[in-house]
Amino acid sequence: MATLRIEAQPSAGLKSYTLVVDGHPVPMRSDHKGDVAVHGQCNDGSRHLLNYTMFGATGDTLAVTILCAGHAVCQTADQIVAGSEPYGAGWEDFTL
């Protein structure tokens, strides 16, 4: 098992977000960091999936970095709540 550190960077106006890695919700602390255990080991090439949802005003953003043993294995660009919708969602594949 590998323990991943998840770091989120929400824009100031983003009301809420959820992060799920390999089907496991990631409990985020008030500093927008959290940890989750996944199958595999750092640098083993195993494939994993990040799902995210967010709620906010048009133009609010969320960026996410996933670290394994201190090294970034996934970095999302700013994801934007678009149009007149208050919700945004997406996913990123990544390997350890």
Protein backbone atom coordinates (compact mmCIF):
# COMPACT_ATOMS: atom_id res chain seq x y z
CA MET A 1 0.00 0.00 0.00
CA ALA A 2 1.12 3.52 -0.78
CA THR A 3 -0.03 6.56 1.17
CA LEU A 4 -0.66 9.54 -1.07
CA ARG A 5 -0.67 13.15 0.09
CA ILE A 6 -3.35 15.20 -1.64
CA GLU A 7 -3.02 18.99 -1.78
CA ALA A 8 -5.87 21.12 -3.13
CA GLN A 9 -5.75 24.78 -4.09
CA PRO A 10 -9.31 26.13 -4.29
CA SER A 11 -9.97 29.71 -5.34
CA ALA A 12 -11.19 31.99 -2.57
CA GLY A 13 -14.83 31.84 -3.70
CA LEU A 14 -15.13 28.07 -4.21
CA LYS A 15 -17.81 26.90 -1.79
CA SER A 16 -16.92 23.19 -1.59
CA TYR A 17 -15.17 20.33 -3.34
CA THR A 18 -14.74 16.58 -2.97
CA LEU A 19 -11.82 14.40 -4.03
CA VAL A 20 -11.95 10.64 -4.53
CA VAL A 21 -8.95 8.43 -5.36
CA ASP A 22 -9.62 4.91 -6.62
CA GLY A 23 -13.12 5.07 -5.17
CA HIS A 24 -11.94 6.20 -1.72
CA PRO A 25 -13.10 9.66 -0.55
CA VAL A 26 -10.17 11.78 0.61
CA PRO A 27 -10.86 13.53 3.93
CA MET A 28 -9.43 17.02 3.53
CA ARG A 29 -8.28 19.11 6.48
CA SER A 30 -8.82 22.85 6.84
CA ASP A 31 -5.37 23.41 5.23
CA HIS A 32 -6.70 21.68 2.07
CA LYS A 33 -4.42 18.65 2.53
CA GLY A 34 -5.38 15.03 3.04
CA ASP A 35 -4.02 11.49 2.81
CA VAL A 36 -5.35 8.31 1.24
CA ALA A 37 -3.95 4.78 0.99
CA VAL A 38 -4.03 3.02 -2.40
CA HIS A 39 -2.87 -0.34 -3.71
CA GLY A 40 0.64 -0.31 -5.14
CA GLN A 41 3.92 1.32 -4.22
CA CYS A 42 5.56 4.58 -5.22
CA ASN A 43 7.33 4.21 -8.60
CA ASP A 44 5.75 0.84 -9.41
CA GLY A 45 3.88 2.20 -12.46
CA SER A 46 0.45 1.22 -11.11
CA ARG A 47 -2.49 3.17 -12.54
CA HIS A 48 -4.88 5.17 -10.39
CA LEU A 49 -7.80 7.58 -10.80
CA LEU A 50 -8.62 10.93 -9.21
CA ASN A 51 -12.25 12.12 -9.41
CA TYR A 52 -13.20 15.60 -8.28
CA THR A 53 -16.37 17.63 -7.93
CA MET A 54 -16.72 21.28 -6.97
CA PHE A 55 -19.43 23.78 -6.21
CA GLY A 56 -19.05 27.51 -6.69
CA ALA A 57 -19.64 30.51 -8.90
CA THR A 58 -18.68 30.77 -12.56
CA GLY A 59 -14.92 31.21 -12.76
CA ASP A 60 -14.06 29.57 -9.42
CA THR A 61 -11.16 27.15 -9.72
CA LEU A 62 -9.63 24.08 -8.11
CA ALA A 63 -6.13 22.71 -8.68
CA VAL A 64 -4.97 19.40 -7.17
CA THR A 65 -1.51 17.91 -6.61
CA ILE A 66 -0.98 14.28 -5.57
CA LEU A 67 2.33 13.32 -3.98
CA CYS A 68 3.81 9.86 -3.40
CA ALA A 69 6.87 9.80 -1.14
CA GLY A 70 7.19 13.55 -1.64
CA HIS A 71 7.20 13.42 -5.47
CA ALA A 72 4.32 14.78 -7.57
CA VAL A 73 2.56 11.99 -9.47
CA CYS A 74 -0.46 14.05 -10.58
CA GLN A 75 -1.01 17.78 -11.00
CA THR A 76 -4.22 19.16 -12.42
CA ALA A 77 -4.36 22.54 -14.04
CA ASP A 78 -6.93 24.92 -12.60
CA GLN A 79 -10.33 23.32 -13.17
CA ILE A 80 -13.01 25.97 -13.68
CA VAL A 81 -16.69 26.10 -12.79
CA ALA A 82 -17.97 27.04 -16.25
CA GLY A 83 -20.96 28.81 -17.72
CA SER A 84 -24.01 29.37 -15.58
CA GLU A 85 -23.61 26.02 -13.79
CA PRO A 86 -22.67 26.06 -10.10
CA TYR A 87 -21.02 22.62 -10.38
CA GLY A 88 -17.83 21.32 -11.95
CA ALA A 89 -16.47 17.80 -12.12
CA GLY A 90 -13.78 15.76 -13.81
CA TRP A 91 -11.13 13.10 -13.50
CA GLU A 92 -7.42 12.50 -14.01
CA ASP A 93 -5.59 9.22 -14.59
CA PHE A 94 -2.16 8.97 -13.00
CA THR A 95 0.55 6.41 -12.29
CA LEU A 96 2.71 5.94 -9.24
